[in-house]
Amino acid sequence: MSEGLRESCRGRSKDAGRPSDLTSLDGRLFVCSWSGGKDAYLALQRAVAAGGRPAALLCMLHEDGRCSRGHGLPLATLEAQASALHVPLVTHATTWNDYEGTFLEALRSLRAIGVEAGVFGDIDLEEHREWVDGVCARVGLRAYLPLWQAPRAAIVDELLAHGVEATIVAVDAGRLDATFLGRRLSPGVVADLAAAGVDICGEEGEFHTVVTFAPLFGCSIALAWSGYEERDGHYVLSYIAPSQTTI
């Protein structure tokens, strides 16, 4: 999770309480909180397997509207993913200070068209779980976190076993070096992440990925980049241009 989102989570929305966990979506329309990365994708895949019907991917953008606020993915990449998934993409530009209010308004709009649940890819950050449960409760949605407290190795193994292609697009410069950028998740890369002493799922923001192909994708997304830059304490690929390849 980024530091901005962590700050947004702290001390907010906790008064709404935690709704009981959904064990099955059973035909419910849901919105998936979308980062474009591996955990959001796996949450989406598990939600579909649990009987849910995806109504939208919801992604918050930087205030200029050009890239995602969490992973820094270009809007065109997010649009290519949504097209490959055949699920509408809903985006809202916002600052970190306005993040919660903007997110709530987006959820209210989706609730108004029949969405019943919010799907999130969080694994075990309690403060973020409290925030997720709170914002969902405030707009009348049920929260569904299919990765919650799953073992890290099991998550990675499931991604790799299903042929999910996820490329590292950003790393925390204080915990990983730039040589990890542009590497596709694989057993070897996972071993290198573990050897570097970081969480192999990057739950604490050690690295971020973009999914370019997966079982729910109708086509693959080809990525191109040119070097990297330092931004807010992270090394980030400086150019990611999407195109689609029919399979």
Protein backbone atom coordinates (compact mmCIF):
# COMPACT_ATOMS: atom_id res chain seq x y z
CA MET A 1 0.00 0.00 0.00
CA SER A 2 1.31 3.49 -0.79
CA GLU A 3 2.05 5.90 2.06
CA GLY A 4 -0.67 8.25 0.79
CA LEU A 5 -3.30 5.56 0.96
CA ARG A 6 -2.00 4.41 4.34
CA GLU A 7 -2.51 7.93 5.69
CA SER A 8 -5.99 8.03 4.17
CA CYS A 9 -6.82 4.79 6.01
CA ARG A 10 -5.59 5.79 9.45
CA GLY A 11 -8.28 6.73 11.89
CA ARG A 12 -11.03 7.03 9.31
CA SER A 13 -14.26 5.17 8.59
CA LYS A 14 -13.74 2.83 11.57
CA ASP A 15 -16.99 3.89 13.24
CA ALA A 16 -19.01 2.08 10.58
CA GLY A 17 -17.90 -1.34 11.89
CA ARG A 18 -17.03 -4.46 9.97
CA PRO A 19 -19.77 -6.22 8.01
CA SER A 20 -19.80 -9.99 8.27
CA ASP A 21 -17.51 -11.61 5.73
CA LEU A 22 -19.07 -12.82 2.52
CA THR A 23 -18.08 -16.39 1.74
CA SER A 24 -19.86 -16.46 -1.62
CA LEU A 25 -20.93 -13.70 -3.99
CA ASP A 26 -23.67 -15.98 -5.33
CA GLY A 27 -24.74 -13.95 -8.36
CA ARG A 28 -24.17 -10.52 -6.79
CA LEU A 29 -23.01 -7.62 -8.93
CA PHE A 30 -19.69 -6.34 -7.61
CA VAL A 31 -17.18 -3.58 -8.18
CA CYS A 32 -13.50 -4.49 -7.98
CA SER A 33 -11.12 -1.93 -6.51
CA TRP A 34 -8.57 -1.91 -9.31
CA SER A 35 -4.85 -1.16 -9.13
CA GLY A 36 -3.96 -3.03 -12.31
CA GLY A 37 -1.65 -5.28 -10.31
CA LYS A 38 -1.51 -8.96 -9.41
CA ASP A 39 -3.45 -8.88 -6.13
CA ALA A 40 -6.35 -6.89 -7.60
CA TYR A 41 -6.47 -9.32 -10.50
CA LEU A 42 -6.43 -12.43 -8.28
CA ALA A 43 -9.18 -10.92 -6.10
CA LEU A 44 -11.24 -10.38 -9.25
CA GLN A 45 -10.62 -13.94 -10.44
CA ARG A 46 -11.58 -15.41 -7.07
CA ALA A 47 -14.68 -13.21 -6.90
CA VAL A 48 -15.83 -14.48 -10.30
CA ALA A 49 -15.13 -18.06 -9.19
CA ALA A 50 -17.27 -17.38 -6.09
CA GLY A 51 -20.25 -16.58 -8.31
CA GLY A 52 -19.90 -12.81 -8.55
CA ARG A 53 -20.72 -10.74 -11.62
CA PRO A 54 -18.25 -7.89 -12.23
CA ALA A 55 -20.01 -4.61 -12.94
CA ALA A 56 -16.95 -2.34 -12.93
CA LEU A 57 -13.28 -1.90 -12.15
CA LEU A 58 -12.83 1.17 -9.94
CA CYS A 59 -9.52 3.02 -10.02
CA MET A 60 -8.52 6.34 -8.47
CA LEU A 61 -6.25 8.52 -10.60
CA HIS A 62 -3.81 11.33 -9.88
CA GLU A 63 -5.50 14.72 -10.00
CA ASP A 64 -4.26 15.27 -13.56
CA GLY A 65 -6.14 12.11 -14.62
CA ARG A 66 -3.16 10.62 -16.44
CA CYS A 67 -2.18 7.68 -14.25
CA SER A 68 -3.40 5.61 -11.31
CA ARG A 69 -2.81 6.98 -7.84
CA GLY A 70 -1.66 3.67 -6.33
CA HIS A 71 0.63 2.06 -8.91
CA GLY A 72 1.25 5.00 -11.23
CA LEU A 73 -0.06 3.10 -14.28
CA PRO A 74 -1.00 5.19 -17.32
CA LEU A 75 -4.71 5.50 -17.97
CA ALA A 76 -4.24 3.83 -21.37
CA THR A 77 -2.85 0.73 -19.65
CA LEU A 78 -5.82 0.55 -17.28
CA GLU A 79 -8.19 0.96 -20.23
CA ALA A 80 -6.42 -1.84 -22.11
CA GLN A 81 -6.79 -4.14 -19.10
CA ALA A 82 -10.51 -3.34 -18.79
CA SER A 83 -11.00 -3.99 -22.50
CA ALA A 84 -9.18 -7.33 -22.22
CA LEU A 85 -11.37 -8.26 -19.24
CA HIS A 86 -14.58 -7.00 -20.90
CA VAL A 87 -15.42 -5.11 -17.70
CA PRO A 88 -16.14 -1.35 -17.65
CA LEU A 89 -13.45 0.85 -16.10
CA VAL A 90 -14.61 3.63 -13.75
CA THR A 91 -11.97 6.23 -12.87
CA HIS A 92 -11.96 9.35 -10.73
CA ALA A 93 -9.14 11.85 -10.41
CA THR A 94 -8.41 12.86 -6.82
CA THR A 95 -5.81 14.07 -4.35
CA TRP A 96 -4.84 11.98 -1.33
CA ASN A 97 -6.68 14.48 0.88
CA ASP A 98 -9.90 13.98 -1.07
CA TYR A 99 -9.39 10.27 -1.72
CA GLU A 100 -11.95 8.90 0.71
CA GLY A 101 -14.70 11.31 -0.29
CA THR A 102 -14.11 10.65 -3.98
CA PHE A 103 -14.07 6.89 -3.42
CA LEU A 104 -17.33 7.05 -1.46
CA GLU A 105 -19.06 9.02 -4.21
CA ALA A 106 -17.91 6.47 -6.77
CA LEU A 107 -19.27 3.62 -4.64
CA ARG A 108 -22.59 5.41 -4.15
CA SER A 109 -22.99 5.80 -7.90
CA LEU A 110 -22.31 2.11 -8.43
CA ARG A 111 -24.66 1.13 -5.61
CA ALA A 112 -27.38 3.14 -7.33
CA ILE A 113 -27.15 0.92 -10.42
CA GLY A 114 -27.43 -2.32 -8.47
CA VAL A 115 -23.90 -3.15 -7.33
CA GLU A 116 -24.08 -5.05 -4.03
CA ALA A 117 -20.46 -5.83 -3.09
CA GLY A 118 -17.00 -4.34 -3.20
CA VAL A 119 -14.07 -6.64 -3.97
CA PHE A 120 -10.59 -5.78 -2.70
CA GLY A 121 -7.19 -7.45 -3.01
CA ASP A 122 -5.82 -6.73 0.47
CA ILE A 123 -4.03 -9.55 2.27
CA ASP A 124 -3.52 -8.60 5.92
CA LEU A 125 -3.09 -4.88 6.58
CA GLU A 126 -5.65 -4.40 9.36
CA GLU A 127 -5.89 -0.62 9.05
CA HIS A 128 -6.74 -0.91 5.39
CA ARG A 129 -9.27 -3.67 6.10
CA GLU A 130 -11.00 -1.36 8.57
CA TRP A 131 -11.11 1.39 5.95
CA VAL A 132 -12.47 -0.95 3.26
CA ASP A 133 -15.19 -2.30 5.54
CA GLY A 134 -16.06 1.21 6.65
CA VAL A 135 -16.48 2.80 3.23
CA CYS A 136 -18.49 -0.17 1.98
CA ALA A 137 -20.80 -0.08 5.02
CA ARG A 138 -21.40 3.65 4.59
CA VAL A 139 -22.83 3.17 1.10
CA GLY A 140 -24.66 -0.09 1.70
CA LEU A 141 -22.21 -2.47 0.07
CA ARG A 142 -20.78 -5.73 1.43
CA ALA A 143 -16.99 -6.02 1.45
CA TYR A 144 -15.42 -9.14 -0.06
CA LEU A 145 -11.68 -9.69 0.45
CA PRO A 146 -10.90 -13.10 -1.07
CA LEU A 147 -7.15 -12.90 -0.35
CA TRP A 148 -7.54 -11.94 3.30
CA GLN A 149 -4.94 -13.71 5.49
CA ALA A 150 -3.98 -16.11 2.72
CA PRO A 151 -0.36 -17.32 2.94
CA ARG A 152 1.94 -15.25 0.72
CA ALA A 153 3.45 -18.32 -0.96
CA ALA A 154 -0.02 -19.69 -1.75
CA ILE A 155 -1.02 -16.43 -3.45
CA VAL A 156 2.11 -16.36 -5.59
CA ASP A 157 1.80 -20.06 -6.42
CA GLU A 158 -1.82 -19.55 -7.53
CA LEU A 159 -0.86 -16.64 -9.77
CA LEU A 160 1.93 -18.59 -11.42
CA ALA A 161 -0.10 -21.81 -11.71
CA HIS A 162 -2.83 -19.92 -13.57
CA GLY A 163 -0.38 -18.34 -15.97
CA VAL A 164 -0.92 -14.79 -14.74
CA GLU A 165 1.71 -12.51 -16.31
CA ALA A 166 2.63 -9.68 -13.95
CA THR A 167 5.53 -7.31 -14.55
CA ILE A 168 7.22 -5.26 -11.80
CA VAL A 169 6.73 -1.58 -12.67
CA ALA A 170 7.76 0.17 -9.45
CA VAL A 171 9.91 -0.60 -6.39
CA ASP A 172 10.51 1.09 -3.07
CA ALA A 173 14.00 2.54 -3.56
CA GLY A 174 14.81 1.98 0.12
CA ARG A 175 14.13 -1.76 -0.08
CA LEU A 176 14.81 -2.90 -3.64
CA ASP A 177 17.07 -1.74 -6.42
CA ALA A 178 16.02 -0.76 -9.93
CA THR A 179 17.20 -4.06 -11.45
CA PHE A 180 13.82 -5.56 -10.45
CA LEU A 181 11.98 -3.19 -12.79
CA GLY A 182 10.59 -4.80 -15.94
CA ARG A 183 10.96 -8.34 -14.58
CA ARG A 184 7.98 -10.65 -14.95
CA LEU A 185 6.93 -12.54 -11.85
CA SER A 186 8.34 -16.08 -11.96
CA PRO A 187 9.73 -18.60 -9.47
CA GLY A 188 13.19 -17.09 -9.99
CA VAL A 189 12.00 -13.52 -9.43
CA VAL A 190 10.06 -14.60 -6.34
CA ALA A 191 13.23 -16.23 -4.99
CA ASP A 192 15.18 -13.03 -5.66
CA LEU A 193 12.55 -10.95 -3.84
CA ALA A 194 12.74 -13.28 -0.85
CA ALA A 195 16.54 -13.13 -0.90
CA ALA A 196 16.32 -9.33 -0.87
CA GLY A 197 14.36 -9.61 2.37
CA VAL A 198 11.01 -8.24 1.18
CA ASP A 199 7.48 -9.58 1.24
CA ILE A 200 7.06 -11.67 -1.91
CA CYS A 201 3.59 -10.17 -2.41
CA GLY A 202 4.76 -6.60 -1.82
CA GLU A 203 1.93 -6.00 0.66
CA GLU A 204 3.89 -3.25 2.40
CA GLY A 205 4.50 -1.44 -0.89
CA GLU A 206 7.93 -2.95 -1.61
CA PHE A 207 7.00 -3.30 -5.27
CA HIS A 208 4.06 -2.92 -7.64
CA THR A 209 3.09 -4.91 -10.71
CA VAL A 210 0.93 -4.63 -13.80
CA VAL A 211 -0.94 -7.67 -15.14
CA THR A 212 -0.60 -8.11 -18.89
CA PHE A 213 -2.26 -11.50 -19.31
CA ALA A 214 -4.37 -13.83 -17.17
CA PRO A 215 -7.16 -16.40 -17.51
CA LEU A 216 -9.90 -13.76 -17.52
CA PHE A 217 -8.17 -11.65 -20.19
CA GLY A 218 -9.48 -12.00 -23.74
CA CYS A 219 -6.15 -10.75 -25.10
CA SER A 220 -2.67 -9.99 -23.86
CA ILE A 221 -1.33 -6.48 -23.34
CA ALA A 222 2.13 -5.75 -24.73
CA LEU A 223 4.18 -3.29 -22.67
CA ALA A 224 7.08 -1.08 -23.69
CA TRP A 225 9.16 1.24 -21.52
CA SER A 226 12.24 3.42 -21.80
CA GLY A 227 14.36 3.46 -18.68
CA TYR A 228 13.11 4.49 -15.28
CA GLU A 229 12.87 7.50 -13.02
CA GLU A 230 12.94 8.20 -9.29
CA ARG A 231 9.63 9.41 -7.93
CA ASP A 232 8.56 9.84 -4.30
CA GLY A 233 11.17 7.40 -3.02
CA HIS A 234 10.45 4.81 -5.72
CA TYR A 235 12.10 3.65 -8.92
CA VAL A 236 9.37 3.62 -11.57
CA LEU A 237 9.39 2.57 -15.21
CA SER A 238 9.29 5.85 -17.11
CA TYR A 239 7.20 4.69 -20.05
CA ILE A 240 4.56 2.01 -20.38
CA ALA A 241 2.69 1.92 -23.66
CA PRO A 242 -0.10 -0.65 -24.01
CA SER A 243 -1.22 -2.48 -27.08
CA GLN A 244 -3.37 -5.57 -27.35
CA THR A 245 -2.62 -8.90 -28.97
CA THR A 246 -5.55 -11.18 -29.73
CA ILE A 247 -5.10 -14.73 -28.54
